[in-house]
PDB file of all heavy atoms in Angstrom:
ATOM      1  N   GLY A   1       0.824  -1.207   0.000  1.00  0.00           N
ATOM      2  CA  GLY A   1       0.000   0.000   0.000  1.00  0.00           C
ATOM      3  C   GLY A   1       0.848   1.242   0.000  1.00  0.00           C
ATOM      4  O   GLY A   1       2.059   1.195   0.240  1.00  0.00           O
ATOM      5  N   TYR A   2       0.209   2.349  -0.288  1.00  0.00           N
ATOM      6  CA  TYR A   2       0.877   3.641  -0.270  1.00  0.00           C
ATOM      7  C   TYR A   2       1.333   3.923   1.152  1.00  0.00           C
ATOM      8  O   TYR A   2       0.732   3.438   2.118  1.00  0.00           O
ATOM      9  CB  TYR A   2      -0.102   4.727  -0.725  1.00  0.00           C
ATOM     10  CG  TYR A   2       0.549   5.931  -1.344  1.00  0.00           C
ATOM     11  CD1 TYR A   2       1.007   5.889  -2.656  1.00  0.00           C
ATOM     12  CD2 TYR A   2       0.701   7.117  -0.633  1.00  0.00           C
ATOM     13  CE1 TYR A   2       1.609   6.994  -3.241  1.00  0.00           C
ATOM     14  CE2 TYR A   2       1.303   8.224  -1.210  1.00  0.00           C
ATOM     15  CZ  TYR A   2       1.752   8.152  -2.516  1.00  0.00           C
ATOM     16  OH  TYR A   2       2.355   9.249  -3.083  1.00  0.00           O
ATOM     17  N   THR A   3       2.401   4.690   1.296  1.00  0.00           N
ATOM     18  CA  THR A   3       2.884   4.970   2.643  1.00  0.00           C
ATOM     19  C   THR A   3       1.808   5.694   3.457  1.00  0.00           C
ATOM     20  O   THR A   3       1.074   6.525   2.935  1.00  0.00           O
ATOM     21  CB  THR A   3       4.196   5.795   2.597  1.00  0.00           C
ATOM     22  OG1 THR A   3       4.698   5.953   3.911  1.00  0.00           O
ATOM     23  CG2 THR A   3       4.003   7.161   1.969  1.00  0.00           C
ATOM     24  N   ASN A   4       1.697   5.324   4.715  1.00  0.00           N
ATOM     25  CA  ASN A   4       0.725   5.897   5.645  1.00  0.00           C
ATOM     26  C   ASN A   4      -0.717   5.454   5.374  1.00  0.00           C
ATOM     27  O   ASN A   4      -1.660   6.114   5.805  1.00  0.00           O
ATOM     28  CB  ASN A   4       0.784   7.435   5.639  1.00  0.00           C
ATOM     29  CG  ASN A   4       0.557   8.006   7.037  1.00  0.00           C
ATOM     30  OD1 ASN A   4       0.842   7.348   8.026  1.00  0.00           O
ATOM     31  ND2 ASN A   4       0.030   9.202   7.109  1.00  0.00           N
ATOM     32  N   ALA A   5      -0.893   4.336   4.660  1.00  0.00           N
ATOM     33  CA  ALA A   5      -2.254   3.835   4.396  1.00  0.00           C
ATOM     34  C   ALA A   5      -2.796   3.052   5.580  1.00  0.00           C
ATOM     35  O   ALA A   5      -3.985   2.751   5.646  1.00  0.00           O
ATOM     36  CB  ALA A   5      -2.262   2.955   3.142  1.00  0.00           C
ATOM     37  N   GLY A   6      -1.913   2.688   6.528  1.00  0.00           N
ATOM     38  CA  GLY A   6      -2.352   1.966   7.717  1.00  0.00           C
ATOM     39  C   GLY A   6      -1.972   0.496   7.722  1.00  0.00           C
ATOM     40  O   GLY A   6      -2.543  -0.305   8.468  1.00  0.00           O
ATOM     41  N   LYS A   7      -0.957   0.127   6.912  1.00  0.00           N
ATOM     42  CA  LYS A   7      -0.541  -1.279   6.841  1.00  0.00           C
ATOM     43  C   LYS A   7      -0.046  -1.798   8.186  1.00  0.00           C
ATOM     44  O   LYS A   7      -0.421  -2.876   8.624  1.00  0.00           O
ATOM     45  CB  LYS A   7       0.573  -1.466   5.805  1.00  0.00           C
ATOM     46  CG  LYS A   7       0.193  -1.195   4.392  1.00  0.00           C
ATOM     47  CD  LYS A   7       1.300  -1.558   3.405  1.00  0.00           C
ATOM     48  CE  LYS A   7       2.657  -1.050   3.796  1.00  0.00           C
ATOM     49  NZ  LYS A   7       2.724   0.413   3.969  1.00  0.00           N
ATOM     50  N   SER A   8       0.819  -1.009   8.829  1.00  0.00           N
ATOM     51  CA  SER A   8       1.419  -1.478  10.087  1.00  0.00           C
ATOM     52  C   SER A   8       0.393  -1.560  11.206  1.00  0.00           C
ATOM     53  O   SER A   8       0.448  -2.453  12.055  1.00  0.00           O
ATOM     54  CB  SER A   8       2.580  -0.573  10.493  1.00  0.00           C
ATOM     55  OG  SER A   8       3.601  -0.656   9.511  1.00  0.00           O
ATOM     56  N   THR A   9      -0.584  -0.639  11.215  1.00  0.00           N
ATOM     57  CA  THR A   9      -1.658  -0.697  12.221  1.00  0.00           C
ATOM     58  C   THR A   9      -2.473  -1.975  12.026  1.00  0.00           C
ATOM     59  O   THR A   9      -2.802  -2.672  12.989  1.00  0.00           O
ATOM     60  CB  THR A   9      -2.573   0.545  12.087  1.00  0.00           C
ATOM     61  OG1 THR A   9      -1.767   1.717  12.173  1.00  0.00           O
ATOM     62  CG2 THR A   9      -3.620   0.577  13.183  1.00  0.00           C
ATOM     63  N   LEU A  10      -2.782  -2.294  10.766  1.00  0.00           N
ATOM     64  CA  LEU A  10      -3.531  -3.524  10.471  1.00  0.00           C
ATOM     65  C   LEU A  10      -2.690  -4.752  10.828  1.00  0.00           C
ATOM     66  O   LEU A  10      -3.200  -5.715  11.421  1.00  0.00           O
ATOM     67  CB  LEU A  10      -3.916  -3.552   8.987  1.00  0.00           C
ATOM     68  CG  LEU A  10      -4.662  -4.801   8.509  1.00  0.00           C
ATOM     69  CD1 LEU A  10      -5.975  -4.988   9.267  1.00  0.00           C
ATOM     70  CD2 LEU A  10      -4.936  -4.737   7.003  1.00  0.00           C
ATOM     71  N   PHE A  11      -1.408  -4.702  10.487  1.00  0.00           N
ATOM     72  CA  PHE A  11      -0.482  -5.803  10.792  1.00  0.00           C
ATOM     73  C   PHE A  11      -0.495  -6.085  12.299  1.00  0.00           C
ATOM     74  O   PHE A  11      -0.603  -7.229  12.736  1.00  0.00           O
ATOM     75  CB  PHE A  11       0.922  -5.419  10.319  1.00  0.00           C
ATOM     76  CG  PHE A  11       1.967  -6.485  10.514  1.00  0.00           C
ATOM     77  CD1 PHE A  11       2.158  -7.473   9.569  1.00  0.00           C
ATOM     78  CD2 PHE A  11       2.778  -6.498  11.649  1.00  0.00           C
ATOM     79  CE1 PHE A  11       3.129  -8.452   9.740  1.00  0.00           C
ATOM     80  CE2 PHE A  11       3.745  -7.470  11.829  1.00  0.00           C
ATOM     81  CZ  PHE A  11       3.924  -8.450  10.866  1.00  0.00           C
ATOM     82  N   ASN A  12      -0.393  -5.026  13.096  1.00  0.00           N
ATOM     83  CA  ASN A  12      -0.386  -5.178  14.558  1.00  0.00           C
ATOM     84  C   ASN A  12      -1.703  -5.761  15.057  1.00  0.00           C
ATOM     85  O   ASN A  12      -1.725  -6.612  15.948  1.00  0.00           O
ATOM     86  CB  ASN A  12      -0.136  -3.826  15.234  1.00  0.00           C
ATOM     87  CG  ASN A  12       1.299  -3.349  15.041  1.00  0.00           C
ATOM     88  OD1 ASN A  12       2.160  -4.127  14.658  1.00  0.00           O
ATOM     89  ND2 ASN A  12       1.543  -2.086  15.275  1.00  0.00           N
ATOM     90  N   ARG A  13      -2.818  -5.290  14.473  1.00  0.00           N
ATOM     91  CA  ARG A  13      -4.124  -5.777  14.933  1.00  0.00           C
ATOM     92  C   ARG A  13      -4.311  -7.261  14.603  1.00  0.00           C
ATOM     93  O   ARG A  13      -4.853  -8.024  15.397  1.00  0.00           O
ATOM     94  CB  ARG A  13      -5.245  -4.942  14.293  1.00  0.00           C
ATOM     95  CG  ARG A  13      -6.627  -5.312  14.819  1.00  0.00           C
ATOM     96  CD  ARG A  13      -7.673  -4.302  14.433  1.00  0.00           C
ATOM     97  NE  ARG A  13      -7.643  -3.105  15.254  1.00  0.00           N
ATOM     98  CZ  ARG A  13      -8.175  -3.006  16.456  1.00  0.00           C
ATOM     99  NH1 ARG A  13      -8.748  -4.057  17.020  1.00  0.00           N
ATOM    100  NH2 ARG A  13      -8.126  -1.875  17.125  1.00  0.00           N
ATOM    101  N   LEU A  14      -3.854  -7.673  13.433  1.00  0.00           N
ATOM    102  CA  LEU A  14      -4.048  -9.072  13.020  1.00  0.00           C
ATOM    103  C   LEU A  14      -3.099 -10.027  13.728  1.00  0.00           C
ATOM    104  O   LEU A  14      -3.431 -11.197  13.936  1.00  0.00           O
ATOM    105  CB  LEU A  14      -3.872  -9.210  11.499  1.00  0.00           C
ATOM    106  CG  LEU A  14      -4.903  -8.507  10.608  1.00  0.00           C
ATOM    107  CD1 LEU A  14      -4.590  -8.775   9.142  1.00  0.00           C
ATOM    108  CD2 LEU A  14      -6.321  -8.954  10.934  1.00  0.00           C
ATOM    109  N   THR A  15      -1.902  -9.556  14.074  1.00  0.00           N
ATOM    110  CA  THR A  15      -0.891 -10.483  14.611  1.00  0.00           C
ATOM    111  C   THR A  15      -0.597 -10.275  16.093  1.00  0.00           C
ATOM    112  O   THR A  15       0.104 -11.082  16.703  1.00  0.00           O
ATOM    113  CB  THR A  15       0.445 -10.325  13.852  1.00  0.00           C
ATOM    114  OG1 THR A  15       0.939  -9.002  14.072  1.00  0.00           O
ATOM    115  CG2 THR A  15       0.273 -10.550  12.370  1.00  0.00           C
ATOM    116  N   GLY A  16      -1.114  -9.174  16.655  1.00  0.00           N
ATOM    117  CA  GLY A  16      -0.786  -8.877  18.058  1.00  0.00           C
ATOM    118  C   GLY A  16       0.653  -8.438  18.207  1.00  0.00           C
ATOM    119  O   GLY A  16       1.208  -8.425  19.304  1.00  0.00           O
ATOM    120  N   ALA A  17       1.293  -8.047  17.080  1.00  0.00           N
ATOM    121  CA  ALA A  17       2.693  -7.610  17.129  1.00  0.00           C
ATOM    122  C   ALA A  17       2.747  -6.151  17.568  1.00  0.00           C
ATOM    123  O   ALA A  17       1.729  -5.512  17.809  1.00  0.00           O
ATOM    124  CB  ALA A  17       3.336  -7.783  15.751  1.00  0.00           C
ATOM    125  N   ASP A  18       3.936  -5.629  17.651  1.00  0.00           N
ATOM    126  CA  ASP A  18       4.119  -4.249  18.098  1.00  0.00           C
ATOM    127  C   ASP A  18       5.049  -3.525  17.121  1.00  0.00           C
ATOM    128  O   ASP A  18       6.055  -2.966  17.497  1.00  0.00           O
ATOM    129  CB  ASP A  18       4.705  -4.238  19.517  1.00  0.00           C
ATOM    130  CG  ASP A  18       4.691  -2.836  20.107  1.00  0.00           C
ATOM    131  OD1 ASP A  18       3.871  -2.021  19.641  1.00  0.00           O
ATOM    132  OD2 ASP A  18       5.502  -2.551  20.995  1.00  0.00           O
ATOM    133  N   VAL A  19       4.672  -3.556  15.835  1.00  0.00           N
ATOM    134  CA  VAL A  19       5.473  -2.896  14.813  1.00  0.00           C
ATOM    135  C   VAL A  19       5.184  -1.403  14.875  1.00  0.00           C
ATOM    136  O   VAL A  19       4.064  -0.987  15.142  1.00  0.00           O
ATOM    137  CB  VAL A  19       5.090  -3.457  13.414  1.00  0.00           C
ATOM    138  CG1 VAL A  19       5.752  -2.661  12.305  1.00  0.00           C
ATOM    139  CG2 VAL A  19       5.480  -4.917  13.316  1.00  0.00           C
ATOM    140  N   MET A  20       6.220  -0.578  14.654  1.00  0.00           N
ATOM    141  CA  MET A  20       6.033   0.871  14.700  1.00  0.00           C
ATOM    142  C   MET A  20       4.907   1.276  13.747  1.00  0.00           C
ATOM    143  O   MET A  20       4.958   1.013  12.560  1.00  0.00           O
ATOM    144  CB  MET A  20       7.323   1.579  14.286  1.00  0.00           C
ATOM    145  CG  MET A  20       7.216   3.093  14.355  1.00  0.00           C
ATOM    146  SD  MET A  20       8.742   3.855  13.802  1.00  0.00           S
ATOM    147  CE  MET A  20       8.316   5.570  13.864  1.00  0.00           C
ATOM    148  N   ALA A  21       3.870   1.890  14.282  1.00  0.00           N
ATOM    149  CA  ALA A  21       2.732   2.334  13.473  1.00  0.00           C
ATOM    150  C   ALA A  21       2.349   3.730  13.919  1.00  0.00           C
ATOM    151  O   ALA A  21       1.634   3.906  14.886  1.00  0.00           O
ATOM    152  CB  ALA A  21       1.562   1.365  13.641  1.00  0.00           C
ATOM    153  N   GLU A  22       2.882   4.719  13.238  1.00  0.00           N
ATOM    154  CA  GLU A  22       2.583   6.104  13.588  1.00  0.00           C
ATOM    155  C   GLU A  22       2.036   6.825  12.373  1.00  0.00           C
ATOM    156  O   GLU A  22       2.152   6.352  11.248  1.00  0.00           O
ATOM    157  CB  GLU A  22       3.863   6.822  14.064  1.00  0.00           C
ATOM    158  CG  GLU A  22       4.383   6.300  15.379  1.00  0.00           C
ATOM    159  CD  GLU A  22       5.568   7.109  15.871  1.00  0.00           C
ATOM    160  OE1 GLU A  22       5.609   8.315  15.566  1.00  0.00           O
ATOM    161  OE2 GLU A  22       6.435   6.541  16.531  1.00  0.00           O
ATOM    162  N   ASP A  23       1.426   7.997  12.609  1.00  0.00           N
ATOM    163  CA  ASP A  23       0.917   8.784  11.504  1.00  0.00           C
ATOM    164  C   ASP A  23       2.077   9.526  10.845  1.00  0.00           C
ATOM    165  O   ASP A  23       2.196  10.738  10.900  1.00  0.00           O
ATOM    166  CB  ASP A  23      -0.146   9.771  12.016  1.00  0.00           C
ATOM    167  CG  ASP A  23      -0.840  10.480  10.854  1.00  0.00           C
ATOM    168  OD1 ASP A  23      -0.807   9.934   9.735  1.00  0.00           O
ATOM    169  OD2 ASP A  23      -1.385  11.569  11.059  1.00  0.00           O
ATOM    170  N   LEU A  24       2.986   8.735  10.263  1.00  0.00           N
ATOM    171  CA  LEU A  24       4.186   9.278   9.621  1.00  0.00           C
ATOM    172  C   LEU A  24       4.370   8.576   8.285  1.00  0.00           C
ATOM    173  O   LEU A  24       4.064   7.398   8.157  1.00  0.00           O
ATOM    174  CB  LEU A  24       5.434   8.981  10.462  1.00  0.00           C
ATOM    175  CG  LEU A  24       5.677   9.759  11.753  1.00  0.00           C
ATOM    176  CD1 LEU A  24       6.931   9.225  12.409  1.00  0.00           C
ATOM    177  CD2 LEU A  24       5.829  11.238  11.482  1.00  0.00           C
ATOM    178  N   LEU A  25       4.896   9.300   7.315  1.00  0.00           N
ATOM    179  CA  LEU A  25       5.246   8.639   6.058  1.00  0.00           C
ATOM    180  C   LEU A  25       6.469   7.764   6.314  1.00  0.00           C
ATOM    181  O   LEU A  25       7.389   8.163   7.010  1.00  0.00           O
ATOM    182  CB  LEU A  25       5.559   9.679   4.983  1.00  0.00           C
ATOM    183  CG  LEU A  25       4.382  10.602   4.606  1.00  0.00           C
ATOM    184  CD1 LEU A  25       4.797  11.582   3.536  1.00  0.00           C
ATOM    185  CD2 LEU A  25       3.180   9.815   4.134  1.00  0.00           C
ATOM    186  N   PHE A  26       6.461   6.574   5.756  1.00  0.00           N
ATOM    187  CA  PHE A  26       7.567   5.620   5.913  1.00  0.00           C
ATOM    188  C   PHE A  26       7.869   5.321   7.375  1.00  0.00           C
ATOM    189  O   PHE A  26       9.011   5.353   7.805  1.00  0.00           O
ATOM    190  CB  PHE A  26       8.854   6.128   5.233  1.00  0.00           C
ATOM    191  CG  PHE A  26       8.753   6.210   3.753  1.00  0.00           C
ATOM    192  CD1 PHE A  26       8.923   7.414   3.094  1.00  0.00           C
ATOM    193  CD2 PHE A  26       8.472   5.093   3.002  1.00  0.00           C
ATOM    194  CE1 PHE A  26       8.835   7.501   1.718  1.00  0.00           C
ATOM    195  CE2 PHE A  26       8.364   5.175   1.633  1.00  0.00           C
ATOM    196  CZ  PHE A  26       8.554   6.370   0.993  1.00  0.00           C
ATOM    197  N   ALA A  27       6.826   5.067   8.178  1.00  0.00           N
ATOM    198  CA  ALA A  27       7.062   4.728   9.586  1.00  0.00           C
ATOM    199  C   ALA A  27       7.845   3.420   9.678  1.00  0.00           C
ATOM    200  O   ALA A  27       8.682   3.242  10.547  1.00  0.00           O
ATOM    201  CB  ALA A  27       5.750   4.613  10.338  1.00  0.00           C
ATOM    202  N   THR A  28       7.557   2.466   8.765  1.00  0.00           N
ATOM    203  CA  THR A  28       8.336   1.212   8.756  1.00  0.00           C
ATOM    204  C   THR A  28       8.982   1.035   7.392  1.00  0.00           C
ATOM    205  O   THR A  28       8.411   1.385   6.384  1.00  0.00           O
ATOM    206  CB  THR A  28       7.434  -0.024   8.988  1.00  0.00           C
ATOM    207  OG1 THR A  28       6.301   0.083   8.129  1.00  0.00           O
ATOM    208  CG2 THR A  28       6.981  -0.107  10.410  1.00  0.00           C
ATOM    209  N   LEU A  29      10.173   0.476   7.392  1.00  0.00           N
ATOM    210  CA  LEU A  29      10.900   0.267   6.139  1.00  0.00           C
ATOM    211  C   LEU A  29      11.199  -1.185   5.855  1.00  0.00           C
ATOM    212  O   LEU A  29      11.102  -1.644   4.740  1.00  0.00           O
ATOM    213  CB  LEU A  29      12.244   1.012   6.199  1.00  0.00           C
ATOM    214  CG  LEU A  29      12.242   2.473   5.787  1.00  0.00           C
ATOM    215  CD1 LEU A  29      13.662   2.982   5.807  1.00  0.00           C
ATOM    216  CD2 LEU A  29      11.646   2.644   4.413  1.00  0.00           C
ATOM    217  N   ASP A  30      11.599  -1.894   6.889  1.00  0.00           N
ATOM    218  CA  ASP A  30      12.050  -3.270   6.682  1.00  0.00           C
ATOM    219  C   ASP A  30      10.858  -4.229   6.709  1.00  0.00           C
ATOM    220  O   ASP A  30       9.938  -4.045   7.484  1.00  0.00           O
ATOM    221  CB  ASP A  30      13.058  -3.659   7.762  1.00  0.00           C
ATOM    222  CG  ASP A  30      14.305  -2.791   7.690  1.00  0.00           C
ATOM    223  OD1 ASP A  30      15.057  -2.958   6.727  1.00  0.00           O
ATOM    224  OD2 ASP A  30      14.482  -1.942   8.568  1.00  0.00           O
ATOM    225  N   PRO A  31      10.891  -5.265   5.856  1.00  0.00           N
ATOM    226  CA  PRO A  31       9.768  -6.213   5.868  1.00  0.00           C
ATOM    227  C   PRO A  31       9.711  -6.962   7.193  1.00  0.00           C
ATOM    228  O   PRO A  31      10.738  -7.364   7.731  1.00  0.00           O
ATOM    229  CB  PRO A  31      10.100  -7.170   4.711  1.00  0.00           C
ATOM    230  CG  PRO A  31      11.563  -7.027   4.499  1.00  0.00           C
ATOM    231  CD  PRO A  31      11.941  -5.647   4.919  1.00  0.00           C
ATOM    232  N   THR A  32       8.513  -7.087   7.738  1.00  0.00           N
ATOM    233  CA  THR A  32       8.326  -7.776   9.011  1.00  0.00           C
ATOM    234  C   THR A  32       7.368  -8.932   8.782  1.00  0.00           C
ATOM    235  O   THR A  32       6.382  -8.779   8.062  1.00  0.00           O
ATOM    236  CB  THR A  32       7.701  -6.809  10.045  1.00  0.00           C
ATOM    237  OG1 THR A  32       8.404  -5.571   9.979  1.00  0.00           O
ATOM    238  CG2 THR A  32       7.776  -7.365  11.440  1.00  0.00           C
TER     239      THR A  32
END
């Protein structure tokens, strides 16, 4: 998805993980 579309927030919700998810462009870079 486009940066800041909410991928990491969804990732955290589905997996219970704690990946950096902020209202920032390019909050995460490395594949998790």
